[in-house]
Amino acid sequence: MQVFQRLGNQSALTIDPFDKSSEQYKLSDMKVIQLPGAKPLSGGYSITVVEAIAETIARLLHPHAEVVLHDLATGKIAKIWNPFSARRPGETSDVDDIDPELVEGNVIGPYEKASPKGARLKSISTIIRDEAAIARALLCINLDVSQFDAAAKLLQSFVATSEDRPDWLFRQDIREQINLQIADYLKRHNLTMQSLDQAGRVELIAFLDESGAFQTRRAVDHIAAALDLSRTTVYVLLRQARESAGPAKTRKRK
């Protein structure tokens, strides 16, 4: 909300600026008073500040990311860094069909795109607004993840197996059976051995007990070695697991 105040009037008389019949109505004698909490007539905005931020991101992610700054006032690309899309500053942005006022929030993405060479891009865009919430620019970051995809495939080729595990080969190998049971438990619960706390160790021991691992000869030695614990600690955890399970399950295991 704004009011007009007559200059040179010590009483700071507030008048109706739309009452043209008033003899006091002279625009040359008026100044605009900005009331607290009101939006400014024109929000502060400088594209050079945005350019500095965009260049910082481009330098950090070079050469894997293309950073594009669109000037929404002109509808053209203001600047572009690492331009693997072959676009140039001054070209049409081709974002005329985007209405920033209808977008929920200012950040869009990440979403998937493709480069002219068919490489997969992971992209994100943000609408830059001035203090009056008017959309002034659109900053887009296109990250070429094709090399990361290739690295992931390479790593997957190393860890993948082409055949199922031959059960007959390990059927009598108690140590291997315990190792597989532990690995299965950790995988199903999305855990690692290092992430297990005291309660997690008790639950793992309870699982091994339920599966009959402690019924085999020298099982405690194998489990203690696998968990990097002493035999005494394994027995303590086993007792806690069985106490938590209750007497019915304990008698069943016996």
Protein backbone atom coordinates (compact mmCIF):
# COMPACT_ATOMS: atom_id res chain seq x y z
CA MET A 1 0.00 0.00 0.00
CA GLN A 2 1.25 3.47 -0.89
CA VAL A 3 0.17 6.99 0.03
CA PHE A 4 1.26 10.33 -1.33
CA GLN A 5 2.74 13.03 0.86
CA ARG A 6 3.06 16.72 0.03
CA LEU A 7 6.64 17.94 0.09
CA GLY A 8 7.56 20.87 2.26
CA ASN A 9 4.55 20.40 4.49
CA GLN A 10 5.71 19.93 8.04
CA SER A 11 2.36 18.48 9.01
CA ALA A 12 2.93 15.65 6.50
CA LEU A 13 -0.61 16.02 5.18
CA THR A 14 -1.81 12.88 3.39
CA ILE A 15 -4.17 13.58 0.50
CA ASP A 16 -6.10 11.58 -2.03
CA PRO A 17 -3.99 11.50 -5.22
CA PHE A 18 -7.02 10.62 -7.32
CA ASP A 19 -9.02 13.69 -6.32
CA LYS A 20 -8.07 15.90 -9.28
CA SER A 21 -10.48 18.62 -8.16
CA SER A 22 -8.20 19.39 -5.25
CA GLU A 23 -6.02 22.46 -5.70
CA GLN A 24 -3.27 20.62 -3.87
CA TYR A 25 -3.06 17.94 -6.59
CA LYS A 26 0.34 18.53 -8.17
CA LEU A 27 2.48 15.49 -9.07
CA SER A 28 5.59 17.64 -8.94
CA ASP A 29 4.97 18.23 -5.25
CA MET A 30 4.34 14.61 -4.39
CA LYS A 31 6.58 11.73 -3.31
CA VAL A 32 5.72 8.06 -2.85
CA ILE A 33 5.79 6.72 0.69
CA GLN A 34 6.43 2.96 0.97
CA LEU A 35 4.54 1.51 3.91
CA PRO A 36 6.07 -1.34 5.94
CA GLY A 37 5.28 -4.80 4.55
CA ALA A 38 4.30 -3.52 1.11
CA LYS A 39 5.97 -4.77 -2.10
CA PRO A 40 8.32 -2.25 -3.73
CA LEU A 41 7.37 -0.59 -7.00
CA SER A 42 10.24 -2.37 -8.76
CA GLY A 43 12.20 -5.18 -7.13
CA GLY A 44 15.96 -5.08 -7.05
CA TYR A 45 17.53 -7.38 -9.62
CA SER A 46 20.93 -7.66 -11.26
CA ILE A 47 21.67 -10.36 -13.79
CA THR A 48 25.39 -9.96 -13.14
CA VAL A 49 24.93 -11.47 -9.70
CA VAL A 50 23.20 -14.49 -11.23
CA GLU A 51 25.96 -14.76 -13.85
CA ALA A 52 28.60 -15.01 -11.10
CA ILE A 53 26.69 -17.85 -9.42
CA ALA A 54 26.19 -19.64 -12.74
CA GLU A 55 29.88 -19.38 -13.61
CA THR A 56 30.82 -20.74 -10.18
CA ILE A 57 28.68 -23.83 -10.78
CA ALA A 58 30.04 -24.24 -14.31
CA ARG A 59 33.65 -24.12 -13.13
CA LEU A 60 33.00 -26.64 -10.38
CA LEU A 61 31.30 -29.16 -12.69
CA HIS A 62 33.44 -28.57 -15.80
CA PRO A 63 33.49 -30.28 -18.25
CA HIS A 64 30.52 -32.43 -17.28
CA ALA A 65 27.86 -29.74 -16.94
CA GLU A 66 26.42 -27.16 -19.29
CA VAL A 67 25.04 -24.11 -17.48
CA VAL A 68 22.56 -21.89 -19.32
CA LEU A 69 21.21 -18.53 -18.13
CA HIS A 70 18.01 -17.44 -19.87
CA ASP A 71 16.92 -13.80 -19.74
CA LEU A 72 13.12 -13.97 -19.50
CA ALA A 73 12.76 -10.27 -20.33
CA THR A 74 14.35 -10.68 -23.77
CA GLY A 75 13.49 -14.34 -24.28
CA LYS A 76 17.11 -15.06 -25.19
CA ILE A 77 20.12 -16.88 -23.76
CA ALA A 78 22.07 -14.34 -21.73
CA LYS A 79 25.12 -16.55 -21.17
CA ILE A 80 26.12 -20.18 -21.50
CA TRP A 81 29.05 -22.10 -20.06
CA ASN A 82 30.46 -25.44 -21.33
CA PRO A 83 28.03 -25.36 -24.30
CA PHE A 84 27.96 -28.96 -25.48
CA SER A 85 24.42 -28.38 -26.80
CA ALA A 86 25.88 -26.06 -29.50
CA ARG A 87 23.72 -23.16 -28.34
CA ARG A 88 25.11 -19.63 -28.16
CA PRO A 89 24.44 -16.44 -26.17
CA GLY A 90 21.83 -14.28 -27.90
CA GLU A 91 19.91 -17.23 -29.33
CA THR A 92 16.21 -17.59 -28.60
CA SER A 93 15.62 -19.42 -25.34
CA ASP A 94 12.59 -21.35 -26.63
CA VAL A 95 10.94 -21.09 -23.22
CA ASP A 96 8.11 -18.81 -24.32
CA ASP A 97 5.54 -21.49 -23.49
CA ILE A 98 6.68 -21.57 -19.86
CA ASP A 99 4.71 -19.38 -17.49
CA PRO A 100 6.79 -18.96 -14.31
CA GLU A 101 3.76 -17.61 -12.49
CA LEU A 102 2.03 -20.99 -12.85
CA VAL A 103 5.01 -22.99 -11.58
CA GLU A 104 4.78 -24.25 -8.01
CA GLY A 105 8.05 -23.27 -6.38
CA ASN A 106 11.14 -21.96 -8.09
CA VAL A 107 13.13 -25.17 -8.57
CA ILE A 108 12.17 -27.67 -11.28
CA GLY A 109 13.75 -31.10 -11.36
CA PRO A 110 16.01 -32.95 -11.52
CA TYR A 111 14.61 -34.30 -14.79
CA GLU A 112 16.11 -36.25 -17.69
CA LYS A 113 17.17 -34.81 -21.04
CA ALA A 114 19.45 -35.85 -23.90
CA SER A 115 22.38 -34.11 -25.58
CA PRO A 116 22.59 -33.70 -29.39
CA LYS A 117 24.85 -36.76 -29.38
CA GLY A 118 22.32 -38.83 -27.46
CA ALA A 119 24.08 -38.70 -24.10
CA ARG A 120 21.84 -38.87 -21.05
CA LEU A 121 21.58 -35.59 -19.15
CA LYS A 122 20.38 -35.00 -15.63
CA SER A 123 19.00 -31.48 -15.56
CA ILE A 124 17.62 -29.00 -13.06
CA SER A 125 16.24 -25.48 -13.52
CA THR A 126 15.53 -22.63 -11.14
CA ILE A 127 13.48 -19.49 -11.67
CA ILE A 128 15.27 -16.33 -10.55
CA ARG A 129 12.87 -13.72 -9.20
CA ASP A 130 13.36 -10.15 -8.05
CA GLU A 131 12.19 -8.72 -4.73
CA ALA A 132 8.73 -8.19 -6.20
CA ALA A 133 8.54 -11.94 -7.02
CA ILE A 134 8.66 -11.22 -10.75
CA ALA A 135 10.44 -13.93 -12.78
CA ARG A 136 13.52 -12.38 -14.37
CA ALA A 137 15.74 -15.28 -15.41
CA LEU A 138 15.87 -19.05 -15.71
CA LEU A 139 19.05 -20.87 -14.70
CA CYS A 140 19.43 -24.38 -16.13
CA ILE A 141 22.13 -26.93 -15.32
CA ASN A 142 22.53 -29.93 -17.64
CA LEU A 143 24.80 -32.60 -16.17
CA ASP A 144 26.17 -35.19 -18.61
CA VAL A 145 25.88 -38.46 -16.70
CA SER A 146 26.77 -40.73 -19.62
CA GLN A 147 30.31 -41.25 -18.32
CA PHE A 148 28.93 -42.09 -14.88
CA ASP A 149 26.56 -44.58 -16.53
CA ALA A 150 29.52 -46.18 -18.29
CA ALA A 151 31.47 -46.36 -15.03
CA ALA A 152 28.46 -47.94 -13.30
CA LYS A 153 28.19 -50.57 -16.05
CA LEU A 154 31.91 -51.29 -15.75
CA LEU A 155 31.65 -51.78 -11.99
CA GLN A 156 28.54 -53.91 -12.43
CA SER A 157 30.39 -56.17 -14.85
CA PHE A 158 32.99 -56.84 -12.16
CA VAL A 159 30.52 -57.68 -9.39
CA ALA A 160 28.00 -59.61 -11.51
CA THR A 161 28.09 -63.42 -11.70
CA SER A 162 27.06 -65.39 -14.76
CA GLU A 163 26.00 -68.60 -12.99
CA ASP A 164 24.18 -69.60 -9.83
CA ARG A 165 26.17 -70.80 -6.85
CA PRO A 166 26.60 -74.62 -6.96
CA ASP A 167 24.98 -75.76 -3.72
CA TRP A 168 26.61 -79.19 -3.87
CA LEU A 169 30.02 -77.55 -3.61
CA PHE A 170 29.27 -75.74 -0.34
CA ARG A 171 26.60 -77.93 1.23
CA GLN A 172 28.99 -79.25 3.89
CA ASP A 173 30.93 -76.01 4.33
CA ILE A 174 29.47 -74.69 7.59
CA ARG A 175 31.61 -71.57 7.52
CA GLU A 176 30.34 -70.66 4.05
CA GLN A 177 26.73 -71.35 5.07
CA ILE A 178 27.05 -68.98 8.03
CA ASN A 179 28.68 -66.32 5.85
CA LEU A 180 25.82 -66.56 3.34
CA GLN A 181 23.19 -66.32 6.08
CA ILE A 182 24.84 -63.20 7.49
CA ALA A 183 25.12 -61.65 4.02
CA ASP A 184 21.46 -62.44 3.29
CA TYR A 185 20.34 -60.84 6.55
CA LEU A 186 22.35 -57.67 5.96
CA LYS A 187 21.12 -57.35 2.38
CA ARG A 188 17.44 -57.84 3.25
CA HIS A 189 17.64 -55.22 6.01
CA ASN A 190 19.86 -52.81 4.03
CA LEU A 191 22.57 -52.93 6.68
CA THR A 192 26.34 -53.29 6.87
CA MET A 193 28.38 -55.00 9.54
CA GLN A 194 29.82 -51.64 10.56
CA SER A 195 26.36 -50.11 11.03
CA LEU A 196 25.19 -52.74 13.53
CA ASP A 197 24.78 -51.46 17.08
CA GLN A 198 24.23 -53.62 20.15
CA ALA A 199 20.55 -54.16 19.40
CA GLY A 200 21.35 -54.89 15.76
CA ARG A 201 23.87 -57.58 16.75
CA VAL A 202 21.29 -59.19 19.03
CA GLU A 203 18.78 -59.29 16.15
CA LEU A 204 21.38 -60.80 13.82
CA ILE A 205 22.28 -63.46 16.38
CA ALA A 206 18.56 -64.19 16.85
CA PHE A 207 18.23 -64.67 13.08
CA LEU A 208 21.17 -67.06 12.99
CA ASP A 209 19.73 -68.93 15.96
CA GLU A 210 16.35 -69.25 14.26
CA SER A 211 18.02 -70.58 11.12
CA GLY A 212 19.77 -73.30 13.15
CA ALA A 213 23.29 -71.95 12.71
CA PHE A 214 24.17 -72.61 16.35
CA GLN A 215 23.26 -76.27 16.03
CA THR A 216 26.35 -77.05 13.99
CA ARG A 217 29.77 -77.91 15.35
CA ARG A 218 32.11 -74.98 15.98
CA ALA A 219 29.36 -72.54 14.93
CA VAL A 220 30.21 -70.11 17.72
CA ASP A 221 33.82 -69.92 16.51
CA HIS A 222 32.71 -69.20 12.94
CA ILE A 223 30.12 -66.60 13.99
CA ALA A 224 32.56 -64.88 16.35
CA ALA A 225 35.15 -64.63 13.56
CA ALA A 226 32.58 -63.36 11.05
CA LEU A 227 31.31 -60.66 13.42
CA ASP A 228 34.78 -59.86 14.74
CA LEU A 229 33.63 -60.66 18.29
CA SER A 230 34.90 -62.89 21.05
CA ARG A 231 33.23 -66.21 21.83
CA THR A 232 32.12 -64.80 25.18
CA THR A 233 30.40 -61.84 23.50
CA VAL A 234 28.62 -64.15 21.07
CA TYR A 235 27.29 -66.26 23.97
CA VAL A 236 26.10 -63.09 25.73
CA LEU A 237 24.31 -61.91 22.59
CA LEU A 238 22.80 -65.37 22.11
CA ARG A 239 21.45 -65.37 25.65
CA GLN A 240 19.93 -61.92 25.18
CA ALA A 241 18.36 -62.99 21.87
CA ARG A 242 16.80 -66.09 23.43
CA GLU A 243 15.53 -64.14 26.45
CA SER A 244 13.88 -61.65 24.10
CA ALA A 245 12.34 -64.45 22.06
CA GLY A 246 10.69 -66.03 25.10
CA PRO A 247 10.72 -69.54 26.56
CA ALA A 248 8.50 -71.09 23.85
CA LYS A 249 10.94 -70.48 21.03
CA THR A 250 13.89 -71.41 23.25
CA ARG A 251 12.35 -74.84 23.99
CA LYS A 252 11.60 -75.32 20.29
CA ARG A 253 15.23 -74.71 19.34
CA LYS A 254 16.37 -77.23 21.93
